[in-house]
């Protein structure tokens, strides 16, 4: 009698544990797929074969499609994840660096984010309705972070004060359109020149 009761009591616990394990596995697989997609997009572009992404994540292609039925679902998820990272980086950098250094480091991270997504610009302008609101979404989420960094740097007299976050986000995106035969380092150099221009103008104004 006691053994039967124990068996009944144990049954629901085992049953309840299975969905929890599945949720944990699903979260782990989803995170692995996002990380793998981010890595593969750097080398093979946003149109990389699904198997390449699944293999790097250590899961089957079927698992990839269960999490992200369409390629646009995966691209959007990767971008949203990285946008969240840029927002968090803005807060962290602002609290632990001088204003100009925080701004420069953040722009470097944003450059890395934009420049390493081969084929992203083509995808965003492909006519796929899934991407219609994405450019505006990126600007809307990132503009407040960059605006705060710019305002702090301008208040410190480190840069000119007539550049908006929207201006700089668009400028960096244009500079990340890699020239033929050039790689990500080219984009980094161009953005570094842009930041130097902001600083030189501030110094010139201070000297007058």
N, C-alpha and C. Protein backbone atom coordinates (compact mmCIF):
# COMPACT_ATOMS: atom_id res chain seq x y z
N UNK A 1 0.84 -1.21 0.00
CA UNK A 1 0.00 0.00 0.00
C UNK A 1 0.86 1.25 0.00
N UNK A 2 1.88 1.20 0.89
CA UNK A 2 2.77 2.36 0.96
C UNK A 2 3.52 2.55 -0.35
N UNK A 3 4.00 1.43 -0.94
CA UNK A 3 4.74 1.52 -2.19
C UNK A 3 3.87 2.07 -3.31
N UNK A 4 2.58 1.65 -3.35
CA UNK A 4 1.68 2.13 -4.40
C UNK A 4 1.45 3.62 -4.27
N UNK A 5 1.25 4.08 -3.02
CA UNK A 5 1.03 5.50 -2.79
C UNK A 5 2.24 6.32 -3.20
N UNK A 6 3.45 5.80 -2.86
CA UNK A 6 4.68 6.50 -3.22
C UNK A 6 4.80 6.60 -4.72
N UNK A 7 4.43 5.52 -5.42
CA UNK A 7 4.53 5.55 -6.87
C UNK A 7 3.62 6.58 -7.48
N UNK A 8 2.38 6.70 -6.91
CA UNK A 8 1.44 7.69 -7.42
C UNK A 8 1.95 9.09 -7.14
N UNK A 9 2.54 9.27 -5.95
CA UNK A 9 3.05 10.60 -5.59
C UNK A 9 4.20 11.00 -6.48
N UNK A 10 5.06 10.01 -6.82
CA UNK A 10 6.23 10.33 -7.63
C UNK A 10 5.85 10.62 -9.08
N UNK A 11 4.77 10.03 -9.57
CA UNK A 11 4.40 10.17 -10.97
C UNK A 11 4.21 11.60 -11.41
N UNK A 12 3.37 12.42 -10.72
CA UNK A 12 3.16 13.80 -11.13
C UNK A 12 4.43 14.62 -11.10
N UNK A 13 5.33 14.31 -10.11
CA UNK A 13 6.58 15.07 -10.04
C UNK A 13 7.43 14.83 -11.27
N UNK A 14 7.47 13.54 -11.69
CA UNK A 14 8.25 13.25 -12.89
C UNK A 14 7.61 13.90 -14.12
N UNK A 15 6.27 13.86 -14.18
CA UNK A 15 5.57 14.45 -15.33
C UNK A 15 5.76 15.95 -15.36
N UNK A 16 5.71 16.57 -14.15
CA UNK A 16 5.87 18.02 -14.09
C UNK A 16 7.28 18.43 -14.46
N UNK A 17 8.25 17.54 -14.18
CA UNK A 17 9.63 17.89 -14.48
C UNK A 17 9.94 17.89 -15.95
N UNK A 18 9.24 17.04 -16.72
CA UNK A 18 9.53 16.92 -18.14
C UNK A 18 9.30 18.22 -18.91
N UNK A 19 8.14 18.90 -18.74
CA UNK A 19 7.96 20.18 -19.44
C UNK A 19 8.99 21.22 -19.04
N UNK A 20 9.37 21.22 -17.76
CA UNK A 20 10.39 22.19 -17.33
C UNK A 20 11.72 21.93 -18.04
N UNK A 21 12.09 20.65 -18.10
CA UNK A 21 13.33 20.32 -18.80
C UNK A 21 13.26 20.71 -20.26
N UNK A 22 12.09 20.50 -20.86
CA UNK A 22 11.94 20.86 -22.26
C UNK A 22 12.07 22.37 -22.46
N UNK A 23 11.49 23.13 -21.52
CA UNK A 23 11.61 24.60 -21.63
C UNK A 23 13.06 25.03 -21.50
N UNK A 24 13.77 24.42 -20.55
CA UNK A 24 15.19 24.75 -20.37
C UNK A 24 15.97 24.41 -21.63
N UNK A 25 15.70 23.20 -22.19
CA UNK A 25 16.39 22.79 -23.41
C UNK A 25 16.07 23.74 -24.56
N UNK A 26 14.79 24.13 -24.65
CA UNK A 26 14.39 25.04 -25.73
C UNK A 26 15.09 26.39 -25.59
N UNK A 27 15.18 26.90 -24.36
CA UNK A 27 15.86 28.18 -24.14
C UNK A 27 17.34 28.07 -24.48
N UNK A 28 17.95 26.95 -24.06
CA UNK A 28 19.37 26.75 -24.34
C UNK A 28 19.61 26.65 -25.85
N UNK A 29 18.76 25.89 -26.54
CA UNK A 29 18.91 25.75 -27.99
C UNK A 29 18.68 27.08 -28.71
N UNK A 30 17.68 27.84 -28.24
CA UNK A 30 17.43 29.14 -28.85
C UNK A 30 18.62 30.07 -28.70
N UNK A 31 19.21 30.09 -27.51
CA UNK A 31 20.39 30.93 -27.29
C UNK A 31 21.57 30.48 -28.13
N UNK A 32 21.76 29.16 -28.23
CA UNK A 32 22.86 28.63 -29.05
C UNK A 32 22.67 28.97 -30.51
N UNK A 33 21.44 28.92 -30.98
CA UNK A 33 21.16 29.26 -32.38
C UNK A 33 21.40 30.73 -32.66
N UNK A 34 21.02 31.61 -31.74
CA UNK A 34 21.27 33.03 -31.93
C UNK A 34 22.77 33.31 -31.99
N UNK A 35 23.51 32.70 -31.08
CA UNK A 35 24.97 32.91 -31.06
C UNK A 35 25.60 32.37 -32.34
N UNK A 36 25.16 31.18 -32.76
CA UNK A 36 25.70 30.59 -33.97
C UNK A 36 25.37 31.44 -35.19
N UNK A 37 24.13 31.91 -35.27
CA UNK A 37 23.73 32.73 -36.42
C UNK A 37 24.55 34.01 -36.48
N UNK A 38 24.74 34.65 -35.33
CA UNK A 38 25.55 35.87 -35.29
C UNK A 38 26.95 35.60 -35.82
N UNK A 39 27.54 34.47 -35.42
CA UNK A 39 28.90 34.12 -35.87
C UNK A 39 28.94 33.81 -37.36
N UNK A 40 27.97 33.03 -37.82
CA UNK A 40 27.94 32.63 -39.23
C UNK A 40 27.64 33.82 -40.13
N UNK A 41 26.79 34.72 -39.70
CA UNK A 41 26.48 35.90 -40.51
C UNK A 41 27.73 36.72 -40.82
N UNK A 42 28.71 36.69 -39.91
CA UNK A 42 29.95 37.44 -40.12
C UNK A 42 30.71 36.89 -41.32
N UNK A 43 30.78 35.57 -41.40
CA UNK A 43 31.61 34.95 -42.44
C UNK A 43 30.84 34.59 -43.71
N UNK A 44 29.58 34.20 -43.56
CA UNK A 44 28.82 33.70 -44.70
C UNK A 44 27.63 34.56 -45.08
N UNK A 45 27.35 35.60 -44.30
CA UNK A 45 26.23 36.48 -44.62
C UNK A 45 24.91 35.98 -44.07
N UNK A 46 23.90 36.84 -44.16
CA UNK A 46 22.60 36.51 -43.57
C UNK A 46 21.85 35.45 -44.38
N UNK A 47 22.34 35.11 -45.55
CA UNK A 47 21.73 34.05 -46.35
C UNK A 47 22.48 32.72 -46.21
N UNK A 48 23.30 32.59 -45.17
CA UNK A 48 24.07 31.37 -44.96
C UNK A 48 23.17 30.15 -44.88
N UNK A 49 23.65 28.98 -45.31
CA UNK A 49 22.82 27.76 -45.24
C UNK A 49 22.38 27.47 -43.81
N UNK A 50 21.15 27.00 -43.69
CA UNK A 50 20.61 26.67 -42.36
C UNK A 50 21.47 25.62 -41.67
N UNK A 51 21.99 24.67 -42.42
CA UNK A 51 22.79 23.59 -41.83
C UNK A 51 24.06 24.14 -41.19
N UNK A 52 24.65 25.15 -41.81
CA UNK A 52 25.87 25.73 -41.25
C UNK A 52 25.60 26.33 -39.86
N UNK A 53 24.46 26.99 -39.73
CA UNK A 53 24.09 27.59 -38.45
C UNK A 53 23.75 26.50 -37.43
N UNK A 54 22.95 25.53 -37.86
CA UNK A 54 22.54 24.45 -36.95
C UNK A 54 23.74 23.64 -36.48
N UNK A 55 24.66 23.34 -37.38
CA UNK A 55 25.84 22.57 -37.00
C UNK A 55 26.67 23.31 -35.96
N UNK A 56 26.84 24.60 -36.15
CA UNK A 56 27.63 25.37 -35.18
C UNK A 56 26.94 25.43 -33.83
N UNK A 57 25.60 25.46 -33.84
CA UNK A 57 24.84 25.50 -32.59
C UNK A 57 24.76 24.13 -31.93
N UNK A 58 25.14 23.08 -32.67
CA UNK A 58 25.09 21.73 -32.12
C UNK A 58 23.68 21.15 -32.07
N UNK A 59 22.83 21.59 -32.98
CA UNK A 59 21.45 21.07 -33.05
C UNK A 59 21.14 20.67 -34.48
N UNK A 60 20.00 20.04 -34.66
CA UNK A 60 19.57 19.66 -35.99
C UNK A 60 18.89 20.81 -36.72
N UNK A 61 18.81 20.70 -38.02
CA UNK A 61 18.15 21.74 -38.81
C UNK A 61 16.68 21.87 -38.42
N UNK A 62 16.07 20.75 -38.05
CA UNK A 62 14.67 20.78 -37.62
C UNK A 62 14.47 21.66 -36.40
N UNK A 63 15.45 21.61 -35.48
CA UNK A 63 15.39 22.46 -34.28
C UNK A 63 15.48 23.93 -34.66
N UNK A 64 16.35 24.23 -35.63
CA UNK A 64 16.46 25.60 -36.11
C UNK A 64 15.12 26.10 -36.63
N UNK A 65 14.45 25.29 -37.44
CA UNK A 65 13.18 25.72 -38.04
C UNK A 65 12.04 25.76 -37.03
N UNK A 66 12.13 24.95 -35.97
CA UNK A 66 11.10 25.04 -34.92
C UNK A 66 11.21 26.38 -34.18
N UNK A 67 12.43 26.84 -33.98
CA UNK A 67 12.62 28.12 -33.29
C UNK A 67 12.39 29.30 -34.25
N UNK A 68 12.86 29.16 -35.48
CA UNK A 68 12.80 30.26 -36.45
C UNK A 68 12.31 29.70 -37.79
N UNK A 69 10.99 29.62 -37.96
CA UNK A 69 10.44 29.01 -39.18
C UNK A 69 10.90 29.69 -40.47
N UNK A 70 11.10 31.00 -40.45
CA UNK A 70 11.53 31.74 -41.63
C UNK A 70 12.91 32.34 -41.40
N UNK A 71 13.66 32.53 -42.47
CA UNK A 71 14.98 33.16 -42.34
C UNK A 71 14.85 34.55 -41.74
N UNK A 72 13.80 35.27 -42.14
CA UNK A 72 13.59 36.61 -41.60
C UNK A 72 13.40 36.58 -40.08
N UNK A 73 12.79 35.52 -39.55
CA UNK A 73 12.62 35.38 -38.10
C UNK A 73 13.98 35.34 -37.41
N UNK A 74 14.91 34.60 -38.00
CA UNK A 74 16.24 34.45 -37.41
C UNK A 74 17.03 35.75 -37.51
N UNK A 75 16.98 36.40 -38.66
CA UNK A 75 17.70 37.67 -38.85
C UNK A 75 17.19 38.71 -37.86
N UNK A 76 15.89 38.82 -37.73
CA UNK A 76 15.30 39.80 -36.82
C UNK A 76 15.67 39.50 -35.38
N UNK A 77 15.65 38.21 -35.00
CA UNK A 77 15.99 37.83 -33.63
C UNK A 77 17.44 38.17 -33.31
N UNK A 78 18.34 37.93 -34.25
CA UNK A 78 19.75 38.27 -34.04
C UNK A 78 19.93 39.78 -33.89
N UNK A 79 19.28 40.54 -34.75
CA UNK A 79 19.39 41.99 -34.68
C UNK A 79 18.82 42.53 -33.37
N UNK A 80 17.66 42.03 -32.96
CA UNK A 80 17.06 42.50 -31.71
C UNK A 80 17.95 42.17 -30.52
N UNK A 81 18.56 40.98 -30.55
CA UNK A 81 19.46 40.58 -29.47
C UNK A 81 20.67 41.52 -29.40
N UNK A 82 21.21 41.86 -30.55
CA UNK A 82 22.38 42.73 -30.57
C UNK A 82 22.02 44.17 -30.22
N UNK A 83 20.83 44.60 -30.59
CA UNK A 83 20.38 45.93 -30.20
C UNK A 83 20.28 46.01 -28.68
N UNK A 84 19.74 44.97 -28.07
CA UNK A 84 19.68 44.93 -26.61
C UNK A 84 21.08 45.02 -26.01
N UNK A 85 22.04 44.35 -26.63
CA UNK A 85 23.42 44.40 -26.16
C UNK A 85 24.01 45.80 -26.28
N UNK A 86 23.70 46.49 -27.37
CA UNK A 86 24.19 47.86 -27.56
C UNK A 86 23.59 48.81 -26.52
N UNK A 87 22.32 48.61 -26.21
CA UNK A 87 21.67 49.47 -25.22
C UNK A 87 22.31 49.27 -23.85
N UNK A 88 22.52 48.02 -23.48
CA UNK A 88 23.15 47.72 -22.19
C UNK A 88 24.58 48.25 -22.16
N UNK A 89 25.29 48.12 -23.28
CA UNK A 89 26.67 48.62 -23.35
C UNK A 89 26.71 50.13 -23.15
N UNK A 90 25.73 50.84 -23.69
CA UNK A 90 25.69 52.29 -23.51
C UNK A 90 25.62 52.67 -22.05
N UNK A 91 24.78 51.97 -21.30
CA UNK A 91 24.65 52.26 -19.86
C UNK A 91 25.96 51.94 -19.13
N UNK A 92 26.54 50.79 -19.45
CA UNK A 92 27.76 50.36 -18.77
C UNK A 92 28.93 51.29 -19.07
N UNK A 93 29.11 51.60 -20.36
CA UNK A 93 30.22 52.45 -20.77
C UNK A 93 30.09 53.85 -20.19
N UNK A 94 28.88 54.37 -20.15
CA UNK A 94 28.66 55.73 -19.66
C UNK A 94 29.02 55.86 -18.19
N UNK A 95 28.81 54.79 -17.44
CA UNK A 95 29.06 54.85 -16.00
C UNK A 95 30.50 54.53 -15.62
N UNK A 96 31.28 54.01 -16.57
CA UNK A 96 32.63 53.55 -16.22
C UNK A 96 33.74 54.19 -17.05
N UNK A 97 33.40 55.18 -17.89
CA UNK A 97 34.40 55.81 -18.75
C UNK A 97 34.17 57.32 -18.83
N UNK A 98 35.22 58.04 -19.21
CA UNK A 98 35.07 59.45 -19.51
C UNK A 98 34.13 59.59 -20.72
N UNK A 99 33.40 60.70 -20.85
CA UNK A 99 32.38 60.82 -21.90
C UNK A 99 32.86 60.51 -23.31
N UNK A 100 34.02 61.05 -23.71
CA UNK A 100 34.48 60.80 -25.07
C UNK A 100 34.87 59.34 -25.26
N UNK A 101 35.50 58.76 -24.25
CA UNK A 101 35.90 57.36 -24.35
C UNK A 101 34.67 56.46 -24.41
N UNK A 102 33.65 56.78 -23.62
CA UNK A 102 32.41 55.99 -23.65
C UNK A 102 31.76 56.07 -25.03
N UNK A 103 31.71 57.27 -25.59
CA UNK A 103 31.13 57.45 -26.92
C UNK A 103 31.91 56.66 -27.98
N UNK A 104 33.23 56.77 -27.93
CA UNK A 104 34.07 56.09 -28.92
C UNK A 104 33.92 54.57 -28.83
N UNK A 105 33.93 54.04 -27.62
CA UNK A 105 33.79 52.59 -27.45
C UNK A 105 32.42 52.12 -27.92
N UNK A 106 31.40 52.92 -27.64
CA UNK A 106 30.06 52.51 -28.06
C UNK A 106 29.95 52.52 -29.59
N UNK A 107 30.50 53.54 -30.22
CA UNK A 107 30.47 53.61 -31.68
C UNK A 107 31.24 52.44 -32.29
N UNK A 108 32.32 52.03 -31.65
CA UNK A 108 33.06 50.86 -32.13
C UNK A 108 32.20 49.61 -32.06
N UNK A 109 31.43 49.45 -30.98
CA UNK A 109 30.56 48.28 -30.85
C UNK A 109 29.44 48.34 -31.89
N UNK A 110 28.88 49.51 -32.09
CA UNK A 110 27.82 49.66 -33.09
C UNK A 110 28.36 49.38 -34.49
N UNK A 111 29.57 49.85 -34.75
CA UNK A 111 30.21 49.57 -36.05
C UNK A 111 30.39 48.09 -36.25
N UNK A 112 30.84 47.40 -35.21
CA UNK A 112 31.02 45.94 -35.30
C UNK A 112 29.69 45.27 -35.58
N UNK A 113 28.67 45.74 -34.93
CA UNK A 113 27.31 45.19 -35.10
C UNK A 113 26.84 45.34 -36.55
N UNK A 114 27.02 46.52 -37.12
CA UNK A 114 26.52 46.77 -38.48
C UNK A 114 27.43 46.16 -39.54
N UNK A 115 28.74 46.34 -39.36
CA UNK A 115 29.68 45.97 -40.43
C UNK A 115 29.86 44.47 -40.59
N UNK A 116 29.59 43.70 -39.54
CA UNK A 116 29.84 42.26 -39.64
C UNK A 116 28.64 41.46 -40.11
N UNK A 117 27.56 42.13 -40.48
CA UNK A 117 26.37 41.42 -40.98
C UNK A 117 26.34 41.50 -42.50
N UNK A 118 27.10 40.65 -43.14
CA UNK A 118 27.17 40.66 -44.60
C UNK A 118 25.80 40.39 -45.20
N UNK A 119 25.42 41.23 -46.14
CA UNK A 119 24.14 41.06 -46.81
C UNK A 119 22.97 41.64 -46.05
N UNK A 120 23.22 42.27 -44.89
CA UNK A 120 22.12 42.80 -44.09
C UNK A 120 21.40 43.92 -44.83
N UNK A 121 22.16 44.86 -45.40
CA UNK A 121 21.53 45.98 -46.09
C UNK A 121 20.64 45.49 -47.22
N UNK A 122 21.13 44.49 -47.97
CA UNK A 122 20.33 43.95 -49.08
C UNK A 122 19.06 43.29 -48.55
N UNK A 123 19.18 42.59 -47.42
CA UNK A 123 18.01 41.93 -46.84
C UNK A 123 16.98 42.96 -46.39
N UNK A 124 17.44 44.02 -45.73
CA UNK A 124 16.51 45.04 -45.22
C UNK A 124 15.78 45.75 -46.34
N UNK A 125 16.41 45.82 -47.52
CA UNK A 125 15.79 46.51 -48.65
C UNK A 125 15.33 45.53 -49.74
N UNK A 126 15.07 44.29 -49.32
CA UNK A 126 14.71 43.24 -50.28
C UNK A 126 13.25 43.27 -50.68
N UNK A 127 12.44 44.05 -49.97
CA UNK A 127 11.01 44.06 -50.23
C UNK A 127 10.24 43.06 -49.39
N UNK A 128 10.95 42.27 -48.58
CA UNK A 128 10.30 41.32 -47.68
C UNK A 128 9.53 42.11 -46.62
N UNK A 129 8.21 41.95 -46.53
CA UNK A 129 7.43 42.71 -45.55
C UNK A 129 7.89 42.51 -44.12
N UNK A 130 8.53 41.37 -43.84
CA UNK A 130 8.99 41.09 -42.48
C UNK A 130 10.02 42.11 -42.01
N UNK A 131 10.71 42.75 -42.97
CA UNK A 131 11.77 43.70 -42.62
C UNK A 131 11.31 45.15 -42.70
N UNK A 132 10.06 45.37 -43.08
CA UNK A 132 9.61 46.74 -43.34
C UNK A 132 9.85 47.69 -42.17
N UNK A 133 9.56 47.27 -40.97
CA UNK A 133 9.68 48.17 -39.83
C UNK A 133 11.01 48.11 -39.12
N UNK A 134 11.94 47.28 -39.62
CA UNK A 134 13.18 47.05 -38.89
C UNK A 134 14.12 48.26 -38.86
N UNK A 135 14.36 48.96 -39.98
CA UNK A 135 15.25 50.13 -39.91
C UNK A 135 14.75 51.17 -38.90
N UNK A 136 13.45 51.44 -38.91
CA UNK A 136 12.89 52.41 -37.96
C UNK A 136 13.02 51.90 -36.54
N UNK A 137 12.85 50.59 -36.36
CA UNK A 137 12.99 49.98 -35.04
C UNK A 137 14.41 50.17 -34.50
N UNK A 138 15.40 49.92 -35.35
CA UNK A 138 16.80 50.07 -34.93
C UNK A 138 17.09 51.50 -34.51
N UNK A 139 16.64 52.46 -35.31
CA UNK A 139 16.88 53.86 -34.97
C UNK A 139 16.16 54.25 -33.69
N UNK A 140 14.93 53.80 -33.57
CA UNK A 140 14.13 54.17 -32.39
C UNK A 140 14.74 53.63 -31.10
N UNK A 141 15.28 52.41 -31.13
CA UNK A 141 15.84 51.81 -29.93
C UNK A 141 17.21 52.38 -29.59
N UNK A 142 18.03 52.66 -30.62
CA UNK A 142 19.42 53.06 -30.38
C UNK A 142 19.61 54.56 -30.24
N UNK A 143 18.72 55.35 -30.82
CA UNK A 143 18.90 56.80 -30.78
C UNK A 143 18.98 57.36 -29.36
N UNK A 144 18.13 56.96 -28.43
CA UNK A 144 18.23 57.53 -27.07
C UNK A 144 19.56 57.23 -26.39
N UNK A 145 20.10 56.03 -26.62
CA UNK A 145 21.38 55.65 -26.02
C UNK A 145 22.50 56.53 -26.56
N UNK A 146 22.56 56.64 -27.89
CA UNK A 146 23.63 57.43 -28.50
C UNK A 146 23.45 58.91 -28.19
N UNK A 147 22.23 59.39 -28.17
CA UNK A 147 21.99 60.81 -27.85
C UNK A 147 22.52 61.16 -26.46
N UNK A 148 22.30 60.28 -25.50
CA UNK A 148 22.81 60.52 -24.15
C UNK A 148 24.33 60.56 -24.13
N UNK A 149 24.97 59.64 -24.85
CA UNK A 149 26.43 59.63 -24.92
C UNK A 149 26.96 60.90 -25.59
N UNK A 150 26.29 61.33 -26.66
CA UNK A 150 26.70 62.55 -27.35
C UNK A 150 26.55 63.78 -26.46
N UNK A 151 25.44 63.85 -25.74
CA UNK A 151 25.20 65.02 -24.89
C UNK A 151 26.24 65.11 -23.78
N UNK A 152 26.62 63.99 -23.22
CA UNK A 152 27.63 64.01 -22.16
C UNK A 152 28.99 64.42 -22.71
N UNK A 153 29.33 63.92 -23.89
CA UNK A 153 30.61 64.28 -24.50
C UNK A 153 30.64 65.75 -24.90
N UNK A 154 29.51 66.25 -25.41
CA UNK A 154 29.43 67.66 -25.79
C UNK A 154 29.50 68.56 -24.56
N UNK A 155 28.82 68.16 -23.49
CA UNK A 155 28.84 68.95 -22.25
C UNK A 155 30.25 69.02 -21.66
N UNK A 156 31.03 67.97 -21.89
CA UNK A 156 32.40 67.95 -21.41
C UNK A 156 33.34 68.72 -22.33
N UNK A 157 32.81 69.25 -23.44
CA UNK A 157 33.63 70.00 -24.39
C UNK A 157 34.50 69.12 -25.26
N UNK A 158 34.17 67.82 -25.33
CA UNK A 158 35.01 66.88 -26.07
C UNK A 158 34.65 66.79 -27.55
N UNK A 159 33.39 67.11 -27.89
CA UNK A 159 32.95 67.03 -29.28
C UNK A 159 32.03 68.22 -29.59
N UNK A 160 31.75 68.42 -30.85
CA UNK A 160 30.80 69.45 -31.25
C UNK A 160 29.41 69.10 -30.74
N UNK A 161 28.56 70.10 -30.63
CA UNK A 161 27.26 69.88 -30.00
C UNK A 161 26.09 69.95 -30.97
N UNK A 162 26.37 69.87 -32.26
CA UNK A 162 25.28 70.02 -33.24
C UNK A 162 25.05 68.75 -34.06
N UNK A 163 25.42 67.58 -33.48
CA UNK A 163 25.22 66.30 -34.15
C UNK A 163 24.22 65.49 -33.34
N UNK A 164 23.18 64.98 -34.00
CA UNK A 164 22.16 64.20 -33.30
C UNK A 164 22.51 62.72 -33.33
N UNK A 165 21.88 61.96 -32.45
CA UNK A 165 22.07 60.53 -32.46
C UNK A 165 21.64 59.92 -33.77
N UNK A 166 20.51 60.37 -34.30
CA UNK A 166 20.02 59.87 -35.58
C UNK A 166 21.02 60.14 -36.70
N UNK A 167 21.61 61.35 -36.70
CA UNK A 167 22.63 61.68 -37.71
C UNK A 167 23.77 60.67 -37.68
N UNK A 168 24.26 60.42 -36.47
CA UNK A 168 25.46 59.58 -36.34
C UNK A 168 25.15 58.11 -36.62
N UNK A 169 23.99 57.64 -36.21
CA UNK A 169 23.61 56.26 -36.51
C UNK A 169 23.56 56.02 -38.02
N UNK A 170 22.97 56.97 -38.73
CA UNK A 170 22.88 56.84 -40.19
C UNK A 170 24.25 56.97 -40.84
N UNK A 171 25.07 57.89 -40.34
CA UNK A 171 26.41 58.09 -40.91
C UNK A 171 27.26 56.84 -40.77
N UNK A 172 27.23 56.24 -39.57
CA UNK A 172 28.02 55.02 -39.35
C UNK A 172 27.51 53.89 -40.24
N UNK A 173 26.20 53.77 -40.37
CA UNK A 173 25.64 52.72 -41.23
C UNK A 173 26.13 52.87 -42.67
N UNK A 174 26.17 54.11 -43.15
CA UNK A 174 26.68 54.35 -44.52
C UNK A 174 28.16 54.03 -44.62
N UNK A 175 28.92 54.35 -43.59
CA UNK A 175 30.35 54.07 -43.61
C UNK A 175 30.65 52.58 -43.53
N UNK A 176 29.67 51.81 -43.07
CA UNK A 176 29.86 50.37 -42.96
C UNK A 176 29.52 49.63 -44.25
N UNK A 177 29.14 50.36 -45.28
CA UNK A 177 28.97 49.74 -46.60
C UNK A 177 30.37 49.58 -47.17
N UNK A 178 30.89 48.38 -47.04
CA UNK A 178 32.30 48.12 -47.32
C UNK A 178 32.66 48.36 -48.78
N UNK A 179 33.79 49.02 -49.00
CA UNK A 179 34.30 49.22 -50.35
C UNK A 179 34.78 47.89 -50.93
N UNK A 180 34.76 47.75 -52.25
CA UNK A 180 35.22 46.50 -52.87
C UNK A 180 36.64 46.14 -52.42
N UNK A 181 36.81 44.91 -52.02
CA UNK A 181 38.12 44.44 -51.60
C UNK A 181 38.48 44.78 -50.17
N UNK A 182 37.61 45.49 -49.47
CA UNK A 182 37.89 45.88 -48.08
C UNK A 182 37.04 45.04 -47.13
N UNK A 183 37.46 45.01 -45.87
CA UNK A 183 36.74 44.25 -44.86
C UNK A 183 36.25 45.15 -43.74
N UNK A 184 36.00 44.53 -42.58
CA UNK A 184 35.47 45.26 -41.44
C UNK A 184 36.45 46.33 -40.96
N UNK A 185 37.75 46.07 -41.10
CA UNK A 185 38.75 47.05 -40.66
C UNK A 185 38.58 48.38 -41.38
N UNK A 186 38.14 48.32 -42.63
CA UNK A 186 37.90 49.54 -43.38
C UNK A 186 36.81 50.38 -42.70
N UNK A 187 35.74 49.71 -42.31
CA UNK A 187 34.64 50.42 -41.63
C UNK A 187 35.12 51.02 -40.32
N UNK A 188 35.92 50.28 -39.57
CA UNK A 188 36.45 50.80 -38.31
C UNK A 188 37.28 52.06 -38.54
N UNK A 189 38.10 52.04 -39.58
CA UNK A 189 38.95 53.21 -39.87
C UNK A 189 38.10 54.42 -40.25
N UNK A 190 37.07 54.18 -41.05
CA UNK A 190 36.21 55.29 -41.48
C UNK A 190 35.47 55.91 -40.29
N UNK A 191 34.99 55.07 -39.39
CA UNK A 191 34.28 55.58 -38.21
C UNK A 191 35.25 56.30 -37.29
N UNK A 192 36.48 55.81 -37.19
CA UNK A 192 37.49 56.50 -36.38
C UNK A 192 37.76 57.90 -36.93
N UNK A 193 37.78 58.03 -38.25
CA UNK A 193 37.95 59.35 -38.87
C UNK A 193 36.78 60.27 -38.55
N UNK A 194 35.58 59.69 -38.55
CA UNK A 194 34.38 60.47 -38.22
C UNK A 194 34.46 61.01 -36.80
N UNK A 195 34.85 60.16 -35.86
CA UNK A 195 34.98 60.59 -34.46
C UNK A 195 36.07 61.64 -34.32
N UNK A 196 37.18 61.45 -35.03
CA UNK A 196 38.26 62.46 -35.00
C UNK A 196 37.75 63.80 -35.50
N UNK A 197 36.89 63.76 -36.51
CA UNK A 197 36.32 65.00 -37.03
C UNK A 197 35.46 65.71 -35.99
N UNK A 198 34.71 64.98 -35.22
CA UNK A 198 33.91 65.57 -34.15
C UNK A 198 34.82 66.22 -33.11
N UNK A 199 35.92 65.56 -32.81
CA UNK A 199 36.84 66.07 -31.78
C UNK A 199 37.62 67.28 -32.30
N UNK A 200 38.08 67.22 -33.52
CA UNK A 200 38.84 68.35 -34.07
C UNK A 200 38.01 69.62 -34.11
N UNK A 201 36.73 69.49 -34.48
CA UNK A 201 35.86 70.64 -34.52
C UNK A 201 35.71 71.25 -33.11
N UNK A 202 35.57 70.37 -32.12
CA UNK A 202 35.43 70.87 -30.75
C UNK A 202 36.67 71.61 -30.32
N UNK A 203 37.86 71.07 -30.68
CA UNK A 203 39.12 71.74 -30.30
C UNK A 203 39.25 73.09 -31.01
N UNK A 204 38.85 73.11 -32.29
CA UNK A 204 38.96 74.36 -33.03
C UNK A 204 38.06 75.44 -32.43
N UNK A 205 36.85 75.06 -32.02
CA UNK A 205 35.94 76.00 -31.41
C UNK A 205 36.49 76.52 -30.09
N UNK A 206 37.16 75.63 -29.33
CA UNK A 206 37.71 76.03 -28.04
C UNK A 206 38.87 77.02 -28.21
N UNK A 207 39.59 76.91 -29.33
CA UNK A 207 40.76 77.76 -29.57
C UNK A 207 40.39 79.14 -30.08
N UNK A 208 39.14 79.34 -30.55
CA UNK A 208 38.77 80.63 -31.11
C UNK A 208 38.36 81.62 -30.04
